[in-house]
Amino acid sequence: MPKIEICLDSVESIIASEQGGADRVEFCSDLFEGGLTPSLGMFKVAKGRTAIPINVMIRPRGGDFCYSDLEFEAMKEDARLFKEAGANALVFGILTPEGKIDKKRSRELIAIARPLPVTFHRAFDMTSDPFEAIKDLIELGVERVLTSGGEASVLEGADLLARLVKEYGNRIVIMPGAGITKRNFEKIHSIIKADEYHLYLHSEQPSKMVHRKDHVYMGGLLRQEEYLVQHTDQSRVEAMIARVR
């Protein structure tokens, strides 16, 4: 039976994922940006209230995966802090300007993470050559790669994902993620046959605010609704687990 990892950004969502039967979670902040390094305080609260394995995203900003020296220093410090705080694994991805795996910096982060396992995230999908990249990750000793097969969604990248699983799945876990739903899971799994999948199963909940100023908003033009809160939906997790099992 495939394992299910839930991507999320709150303590409430971690609790809902555990109660829904997920195998583990990937804890981030700012899912609008694809997931950034989360709050250490929220992580500690979650660890005190759940037993589910929590993998932690180490990503200092949105945008590309070619980081400045200062950003990389921050990533290393975050890796140390979350390791000490009890993270079950660390998740990161670093590329060179040419779209290759940055092996030098990756080695440094992996050394900090050990003995924790490491997931290389969807920076993999932005590499210039996925086969060179997967070989580099295997050489580095990375345990898992999160990928949509170099496309916007797993369904679009299914052929490459199936090939990666077939050719490299005995040396590194290929974990498809991006656009997987209860509706398309069986089709995706029939093609890819992966052992693990990464999903975002949320629902929107109205804000508890009574006093509202709809003309004022935080952030820029590409903004999210101020008076909606998104959390992992336990019922959707339960439905997905039932479909998988």
Protein backbone atom coordinates (compact mmCIF):
# COMPACT_ATOMS: atom_id res chain seq x y z
CA MET A 1 0.00 0.00 0.00
CA PRO A 2 1.41 3.41 -0.91
CA LYS A 3 2.22 5.83 1.88
CA ILE A 4 0.51 9.21 1.96
CA GLU A 5 2.26 12.43 2.96
CA ILE A 6 0.17 15.57 3.47
CA CYS A 7 1.56 19.03 2.72
CA LEU A 8 0.31 21.64 5.20
CA ASP A 9 1.04 24.82 7.11
CA SER A 10 -0.65 24.78 10.51
CA VAL A 11 -0.87 22.87 13.77
CA GLU A 12 -4.58 22.31 13.14
CA SER A 13 -3.74 20.71 9.80
CA ILE A 14 -1.15 18.40 11.35
CA ILE A 15 -3.72 17.21 13.88
CA ALA A 16 -6.33 16.71 11.13
CA SER A 17 -3.85 14.73 9.00
CA GLU A 18 -2.95 12.46 11.89
CA GLN A 19 -6.59 11.86 12.78
CA GLY A 20 -7.38 11.25 9.11
CA GLY A 21 -4.83 8.44 8.91
CA ALA A 22 -1.96 10.01 6.94
CA ASP A 23 1.46 8.40 7.25
CA ARG A 24 3.36 11.66 7.74
CA VAL A 25 3.22 15.37 6.97
CA GLU A 26 5.42 17.96 5.32
CA PHE A 27 5.25 21.12 7.43
CA CYS A 28 5.73 24.45 5.64
CA SER A 29 4.62 28.03 5.75
CA ASP A 30 3.21 30.10 2.87
CA LEU A 31 1.81 27.39 0.63
CA PHE A 32 0.85 30.19 -1.79
CA GLU A 33 4.60 30.32 -2.57
CA GLY A 34 4.85 26.53 -2.75
CA GLY A 35 5.98 26.14 0.86
CA LEU A 36 8.61 28.00 2.89
CA THR A 37 10.39 27.33 6.20
CA PRO A 38 7.71 27.21 8.92
CA SER A 39 7.54 28.73 12.40
CA LEU A 40 9.69 26.90 14.94
CA GLY A 41 7.13 27.77 17.59
CA MET A 42 4.30 26.17 15.63
CA PHE A 43 6.47 23.11 15.04
CA LYS A 44 7.13 22.71 18.76
CA VAL A 45 3.42 23.04 19.54
CA ALA A 46 2.62 20.39 16.93
CA LYS A 47 5.26 17.98 18.27
CA GLY A 48 3.74 18.34 21.72
CA ARG A 49 0.26 17.43 20.50
CA THR A 50 0.80 14.79 17.82
CA ALA A 51 2.79 11.62 17.19
CA ILE A 52 2.73 11.69 13.37
CA PRO A 53 6.15 12.09 11.69
CA ILE A 54 6.73 15.72 10.71
CA ASN A 55 9.12 16.49 7.85
CA VAL A 56 10.13 20.16 7.80
CA MET A 57 10.64 22.39 4.78
CA ILE A 58 13.89 24.37 4.69
CA ARG A 59 13.29 27.09 2.09
CA PRO A 60 14.04 30.73 2.95
CA ARG A 61 11.98 32.44 0.25
CA GLY A 62 9.77 31.93 -2.76
CA GLY A 63 11.02 32.04 -6.33
CA ASP A 64 13.97 30.14 -7.74
CA PHE A 65 16.26 27.71 -5.94
CA CYS A 66 19.60 29.44 -6.49
CA TYR A 67 20.40 31.02 -3.14
CA SER A 68 22.75 33.77 -1.99
CA ASP A 69 25.42 33.08 0.60
CA LEU A 70 23.31 34.74 3.29
CA GLU A 71 20.22 32.72 2.34
CA PHE A 72 22.26 29.53 2.48
CA GLU A 73 23.58 30.44 5.92
CA ALA A 74 19.98 30.89 7.06
CA MET A 75 19.05 27.49 5.60
CA LYS A 76 21.85 25.80 7.52
CA GLU A 77 20.82 27.51 10.75
CA ASP A 78 17.17 26.51 10.24
CA ALA A 79 18.26 22.93 9.54
CA ARG A 80 20.16 22.83 12.84
CA LEU A 81 17.27 24.34 14.79
CA PHE A 82 14.60 21.99 13.43
CA LYS A 83 16.85 18.96 13.82
CA GLU A 84 17.42 19.87 17.48
CA ALA A 85 13.68 20.49 17.94
CA GLY A 86 12.79 16.96 16.81
CA ALA A 87 12.03 17.07 13.09
CA ASN A 88 11.67 13.60 11.58
CA ALA A 89 13.26 14.64 8.27
CA LEU A 90 14.35 17.79 6.46
CA VAL A 91 13.14 18.89 3.03
CA PHE A 92 15.15 21.21 0.77
CA GLY A 93 16.36 21.80 -2.77
CA ILE A 94 19.26 23.86 -4.11
CA LEU A 95 20.21 24.38 -7.77
CA THR A 96 23.08 26.00 -9.63
CA PRO A 97 22.33 28.83 -12.09
CA GLU A 98 22.63 26.24 -14.87
CA GLY A 99 19.80 24.13 -13.49
CA LYS A 100 21.97 21.39 -11.98
CA ILE A 101 21.79 20.00 -8.45
CA ASP A 102 24.08 22.12 -6.29
CA LYS A 103 26.00 19.17 -4.92
CA LYS A 104 28.42 21.18 -2.78
CA ARG A 105 25.73 23.00 -0.83
CA SER A 106 23.49 19.95 -0.73
CA ARG A 107 26.30 17.95 0.89
CA GLU A 108 26.63 20.62 3.58
CA LEU A 109 22.92 20.55 4.40
CA ILE A 110 22.81 16.75 4.35
CA ALA A 111 25.73 16.63 6.78
CA ILE A 112 23.85 18.96 9.13
CA ALA A 113 20.67 16.90 8.80
CA ARG A 114 22.20 13.51 9.60
CA PRO A 115 21.15 11.14 10.99
CA LEU A 116 17.78 12.46 9.78
CA PRO A 117 16.63 11.45 6.30
CA VAL A 118 16.44 14.09 3.59
CA THR A 119 13.86 14.83 0.91
CA PHE A 120 14.89 16.88 -2.14
CA HIS A 121 11.79 18.87 -3.07
CA ARG A 122 10.35 20.04 -6.38
CA ALA A 123 13.42 22.08 -7.22
CA PHE A 124 14.08 18.77 -8.99
CA ASP A 125 11.37 19.71 -11.50
CA MET A 126 13.35 22.81 -12.50
CA THR A 127 16.56 20.94 -13.35
CA SER A 128 17.93 20.91 -16.89
CA ASP A 129 18.28 17.11 -17.00
CA PRO A 130 16.17 14.99 -14.64
CA PHE A 131 18.24 11.85 -15.22
CA GLU A 132 21.51 13.58 -14.38
CA ALA A 133 19.75 15.14 -11.38
CA ILE A 134 18.40 11.86 -10.02
CA LYS A 135 21.86 10.28 -10.30
CA ASP A 136 23.34 13.23 -8.42
CA LEU A 137 20.77 12.83 -5.63
CA ILE A 138 21.51 9.12 -5.36
CA GLU A 139 25.24 9.89 -5.19
CA LEU A 140 24.56 12.41 -2.41
CA GLY A 141 22.62 9.83 -0.41
CA VAL A 142 19.28 11.64 -0.55
CA GLU A 143 16.52 9.27 0.58
CA ARG A 144 13.57 10.78 -1.28
CA VAL A 145 12.72 13.18 -4.10
CA LEU A 146 9.40 15.02 -4.37
CA THR A 147 8.57 15.60 -8.01
CA SER A 148 5.79 16.18 -10.51
CA GLY A 149 7.89 14.72 -13.31
CA GLY A 150 9.11 18.09 -14.54
CA GLU A 151 5.61 19.29 -15.37
CA ALA A 152 2.97 21.43 -13.67
CA SER A 153 1.15 18.36 -12.35
CA VAL A 154 1.81 14.69 -11.71
CA LEU A 155 -0.72 13.68 -14.35
CA GLU A 156 1.19 15.65 -16.98
CA GLY A 157 4.52 14.26 -15.80
CA ALA A 158 3.31 10.69 -15.30
CA ASP A 159 5.39 9.11 -18.06
CA LEU A 160 8.67 10.50 -16.72
CA LEU A 161 7.66 9.62 -13.17
CA ALA A 162 6.93 6.03 -14.18
CA ARG A 163 10.35 5.79 -15.81
CA LEU A 164 12.08 7.25 -12.75
CA VAL A 165 10.30 4.77 -10.48
CA LYS A 166 11.16 1.84 -12.74
CA GLU A 167 14.83 2.75 -13.28
CA TYR A 168 15.77 4.35 -9.95
CA GLY A 169 13.06 3.44 -7.45
CA ASN A 170 15.22 0.79 -5.79
CA ARG A 171 17.87 3.41 -4.93
CA ILE A 172 15.81 6.48 -4.02
CA VAL A 173 12.13 6.98 -3.18
CA ILE A 174 10.33 8.75 -6.02
CA MET A 175 7.41 10.59 -4.40
CA PRO A 176 4.99 12.14 -6.92
CA GLY A 177 3.30 15.34 -5.80
CA ALA A 178 1.27 18.17 -7.40
CA GLY A 179 -2.35 17.95 -8.40
CA ILE A 180 -3.14 14.50 -6.98
CA THR A 181 -6.75 14.08 -5.89
CA LYS A 182 -9.04 11.26 -4.81
CA ARG A 183 -10.56 11.42 -8.27
CA ASN A 184 -7.37 10.96 -10.28
CA PHE A 185 -5.30 8.89 -7.84
CA GLU A 186 -6.14 5.46 -9.28
CA LYS A 187 -5.23 6.57 -12.81
CA ILE A 188 -1.99 8.14 -11.60
CA HIS A 189 -1.01 5.12 -9.50
CA SER A 190 -1.79 2.69 -12.33
CA ILE A 191 0.75 4.52 -14.50
CA ILE A 192 3.46 5.44 -12.00
CA LYS A 193 3.23 2.68 -9.38
CA ALA A 194 5.07 4.73 -6.75
CA ASP A 195 5.38 3.67 -3.11
CA GLU A 196 4.63 7.15 -1.71
CA TYR A 197 2.51 10.13 -2.75
CA HIS A 198 2.41 13.76 -1.63
CA LEU A 199 -0.95 15.55 -1.43
CA TYR A 200 -2.51 18.85 -0.42
CA LEU A 201 -6.01 18.16 0.93
CA HIS A 202 -7.47 21.37 2.30
CA SER A 203 -10.76 23.14 2.70
CA GLU A 204 -11.54 26.81 3.14
CA GLN A 205 -13.04 27.92 6.41
CA PRO A 206 -14.58 31.35 6.98
CA SER A 207 -12.79 33.78 9.25
CA LYS A 208 -14.14 34.28 12.76
CA MET A 209 -13.82 38.05 12.34
CA VAL A 210 -17.05 39.97 12.85
CA HIS A 211 -15.56 43.40 12.20
CA ARG A 212 -14.25 43.40 8.62
CA LYS A 213 -12.58 45.91 6.31
CA ASP A 214 -12.92 44.32 2.89
CA HIS A 215 -11.14 47.16 1.08
CA VAL A 216 -7.94 46.63 3.10
CA TYR A 217 -5.71 43.64 2.41
CA MET A 218 -2.26 42.35 3.24
CA GLY A 219 0.19 41.61 0.43
CA GLY A 220 0.26 42.60 -3.22
CA LEU A 221 -2.11 42.25 -6.14
CA LEU A 222 -1.74 38.46 -6.22
CA ARG A 223 -3.31 38.17 -2.81
CA GLN A 224 -5.34 35.56 -1.01
CA GLU A 225 -8.76 36.17 0.45
CA GLU A 226 -8.33 37.92 3.82
CA TYR A 227 -11.38 36.36 5.44
CA LEU A 228 -10.85 32.72 4.51
CA VAL A 229 -8.57 30.31 6.38
CA GLN A 230 -7.29 27.12 4.75
CA HIS A 231 -6.65 23.99 6.79
CA THR A 232 -6.21 20.32 5.95
CA ASP A 233 -9.63 18.69 5.73
CA GLN A 234 -9.70 15.56 7.88
CA SER A 235 -12.61 14.11 5.91
CA ARG A 236 -10.67 14.49 2.65
CA VAL A 237 -7.66 12.77 4.20
CA GLU A 238 -9.87 9.93 5.42
CA ALA A 239 -11.43 9.57 1.97
CA MET A 240 -8.02 9.46 0.29
CA ILE A 241 -6.67 6.91 2.75
CA ALA A 242 -9.74 4.75 2.15
CA ARG A 243 -9.14 4.98 -1.61
CA VAL A 244 -5.46 4.09 -1.29
CA ARG A 245 -5.92 1.24 1.17
